[in-house]
Protein backbone atom coordinates (compact mmCIF):
# COMPACT_ATOMS: atom_id res chain seq x y z
CA UNK A 1 -197.14 -116.34 15.77
CA UNK A 2 -193.37 -116.81 16.07
CA UNK A 3 -191.69 -113.87 17.77
CA UNK A 4 -188.06 -113.31 18.53
CA UNK A 5 -187.02 -111.66 21.83
CA UNK A 6 -183.43 -110.53 22.14
CA UNK A 7 -181.81 -109.87 25.51
CA UNK A 8 -180.09 -106.90 23.82
CA UNK A 9 -177.76 -105.11 26.16
CA UNK A 10 -174.61 -107.10 25.30
CA UNK A 11 -175.84 -109.13 22.38
CA UNK A 12 -173.20 -109.41 19.62
CA UNK A 13 -175.60 -110.94 17.02
CA UNK A 14 -178.35 -108.37 16.66
CA UNK A 15 -177.54 -107.66 13.00
CA UNK A 16 -177.77 -111.39 12.34
CA UNK A 17 -181.23 -111.53 14.01
CA UNK A 18 -182.36 -108.62 11.84
CA UNK A 19 -181.31 -110.38 8.61
CA UNK A 20 -182.92 -113.66 9.56
CA UNK A 21 -186.09 -111.98 10.80
CA UNK A 22 -186.44 -109.94 7.62
CA UNK A 23 -186.01 -113.08 5.46
CA UNK A 24 -188.70 -114.93 7.32
CA UNK A 25 -190.99 -112.00 7.94
CA UNK A 26 -190.78 -112.27 11.72
CA UNK A 27 -191.24 -109.66 14.51
CA UNK A 28 -188.34 -108.95 16.77
CA UNK A 29 -188.37 -107.25 20.16
CA UNK A 30 -185.03 -106.05 21.59
CA UNK A 31 -185.12 -105.60 25.34
CA UNK A 32 -182.56 -103.47 27.08
CA UNK A 33 -181.85 -101.39 30.18
CA UNK A 34 -181.03 -98.32 28.13
CA UNK A 35 -181.77 -96.82 24.77
CA UNK A 36 -179.75 -98.06 21.80
CA UNK A 37 -179.76 -97.16 18.13
CA UNK A 38 -181.77 -99.66 16.01
CA UNK A 39 -182.58 -99.85 12.36
CA UNK A 40 -186.04 -98.37 11.40
CA UNK A 41 -187.92 -101.59 10.48
CA UNK A 42 -191.73 -101.97 11.09
CA UNK A 43 -191.19 -105.44 12.53
CA UNK A 44 -188.51 -104.39 14.98
CA UNK A 45 -189.26 -102.90 18.37
CA UNK A 46 -187.07 -101.72 21.19
CA UNK A 47 -188.35 -102.03 24.70
CA UNK A 48 -186.31 -100.03 27.24
CA UNK A 49 -187.04 -101.30 30.75
CA UNK A 50 -186.46 -98.36 33.12
CA UNK A 51 -186.31 -100.02 36.57
CA UNK A 52 -183.75 -99.98 39.29
CA UNK A 53 -184.11 -103.62 39.72
CA UNK A 54 -181.07 -105.53 38.42
CA UNK A 55 -183.06 -108.13 36.32
CA UNK A 56 -185.82 -105.82 35.09
CA UNK A 57 -185.21 -106.50 31.39
CA UNK A 58 -184.93 -110.24 32.08
CA UNK A 59 -188.16 -110.15 33.94
CA UNK A 60 -189.87 -108.41 31.02
CA UNK A 61 -188.66 -111.02 28.53
CA UNK A 62 -189.61 -113.94 30.80
CA UNK A 63 -193.13 -112.52 31.17
CA UNK A 64 -193.61 -112.16 27.41
CA UNK A 65 -191.90 -115.12 25.79
CA UNK A 66 -193.83 -118.40 25.57
CA UNK A 67 -194.80 -121.27 23.39
CA UNK A 68 -193.74 -120.70 19.78
CA UNK A 69 -191.31 -117.93 20.56
CA UNK A 70 -187.50 -117.74 20.40
CA UNK A 71 -185.26 -116.00 22.90
CA UNK A 72 -181.74 -114.88 22.24
CA UNK A 73 -179.70 -114.64 25.54
CA UNK A 74 -176.56 -115.58 27.23
CA UNK A 75 -178.15 -115.37 30.63
CA UNK A 76 -178.61 -118.87 32.02
CA UNK A 77 -181.27 -118.04 34.62
CA UNK A 78 -183.33 -116.14 32.09
CA UNK A 79 -182.96 -119.04 29.63
CA UNK A 80 -184.28 -121.34 32.34
CA UNK A 81 -187.34 -119.12 32.94
CA UNK A 82 -188.11 -118.85 29.21
CA UNK A 83 -187.95 -122.67 28.73
CA UNK A 84 -190.40 -123.17 31.51
CA UNK A 85 -192.79 -120.88 29.54
CA UNK A 86 -192.38 -123.01 26.47
CA UNK A 87 -190.04 -120.79 24.51
CA UNK A 88 -186.99 -122.05 22.55
CA UNK A 89 -183.72 -120.41 23.71
CA UNK A 90 -180.40 -119.93 22.12
CA UNK A 91 -177.23 -118.23 23.23
CA UNK A 92 -175.27 -115.80 21.06
CA UNK A 93 -172.83 -118.59 20.05
CA UNK A 94 -175.53 -120.90 18.90
CA UNK A 95 -175.64 -122.92 22.05
CA UNK A 96 -179.24 -124.11 22.49
CA UNK A 97 -180.57 -124.18 26.12
CA UNK A 98 -182.89 -127.18 26.49
CA UNK A 99 -184.94 -128.48 29.37
CA UNK A 100 -182.78 -131.54 29.68
CA UNK A 101 -179.52 -129.56 29.98
CA UNK A 102 -180.49 -126.31 31.74
CA UNK A 103 -180.08 -127.83 35.21
CA UNK A 104 -176.40 -128.62 34.55
CA UNK A 105 -175.85 -125.17 33.07
CA UNK A 106 -177.35 -123.52 36.18
CA UNK A 107 -175.28 -125.66 38.48
CA UNK A 108 -172.11 -124.92 36.57
CA UNK A 109 -172.81 -121.24 36.75
CA UNK A 110 -173.42 -121.37 40.47
CA UNK A 111 -170.18 -123.33 40.96
CA UNK A 112 -168.17 -120.79 38.97
CA UNK A 113 -169.72 -117.97 40.96
CA UNK A 114 -168.76 -119.58 44.23
CA UNK A 115 -165.24 -120.13 43.03
CA UNK A 116 -164.89 -116.49 41.99
CA UNK A 117 -166.25 -115.41 45.44
CA UNK A 118 -163.67 -117.63 47.07
CA UNK A 119 -160.88 -115.73 45.35
CA UNK A 120 -160.09 -118.14 42.48
CA UNK A 121 -158.91 -116.18 39.47
CA UNK A 122 -161.08 -117.28 36.56
CA UNK A 123 -160.68 -116.39 32.96
CA UNK A 124 -163.71 -114.92 31.23
CA UNK A 125 -165.54 -116.45 28.26
CA UNK A 126 -163.44 -116.85 25.09
CA UNK A 127 -163.56 -113.97 22.59
CA UNK A 128 -166.53 -114.04 20.17
CA UNK A 129 -165.40 -115.47 16.76
CA UNK A 130 -166.67 -115.83 13.30
CA UNK A 131 -167.48 -119.47 13.88
CA UNK A 132 -169.69 -118.43 16.80
CA UNK A 133 -171.65 -116.11 14.56
CA UNK A 134 -172.05 -118.88 11.92
CA UNK A 135 -173.18 -121.46 14.57
CA UNK A 136 -175.74 -118.87 15.86
CA UNK A 137 -177.12 -118.21 12.39
CA UNK A 138 -177.50 -121.99 11.89
CA UNK A 139 -179.19 -122.48 15.22
CA UNK A 140 -181.58 -119.62 14.79
CA UNK A 141 -182.63 -120.94 11.35
CA UNK A 142 -183.06 -124.42 12.77
CA UNK A 143 -185.25 -123.13 15.66
CA UNK A 144 -187.38 -121.11 13.29
CA UNK A 145 -187.95 -124.15 11.16
CA UNK A 146 -188.82 -126.25 14.22
CA UNK A 147 -191.37 -123.80 15.41
CA UNK A 148 -192.98 -123.51 12.00
CA UNK A 149 -193.29 -127.25 11.62
CA UNK A 150 -194.93 -127.50 15.06
CA UNK A 151 -197.37 -124.76 14.22
CA UNK A 152 -198.53 -126.26 10.86
């Protein structure tokens, strides 16, 4: 059954995920490194990964998410791992990560990291906007429909 996993620590679209999941009757698991307040829904679960390892929450998501699941994350390496397990993956701005584009995203991430380490001053990501939220909602709905069609 379709399940949504959210890399929740810095996710700005949790409320949108709740609304969509409630509309479709889906289960959602938020995964974080520390406790956070969540609504009290029977279909919503918070998993707090208490581990000193930097990517412990990412590891948990990658181990759980698979075929027929959707993962919400901005973390490109996590997106790559989840794609390899057969999950669909979207960023918080509605950017879908796909097998045919994840290699380019990983390479760009690595290049930017090397430039920062070399002392180049880089601007951060643009501020999150209403249009990002709207694109995310559209992409999440599209992915749910895609999974449901493939399961019927």
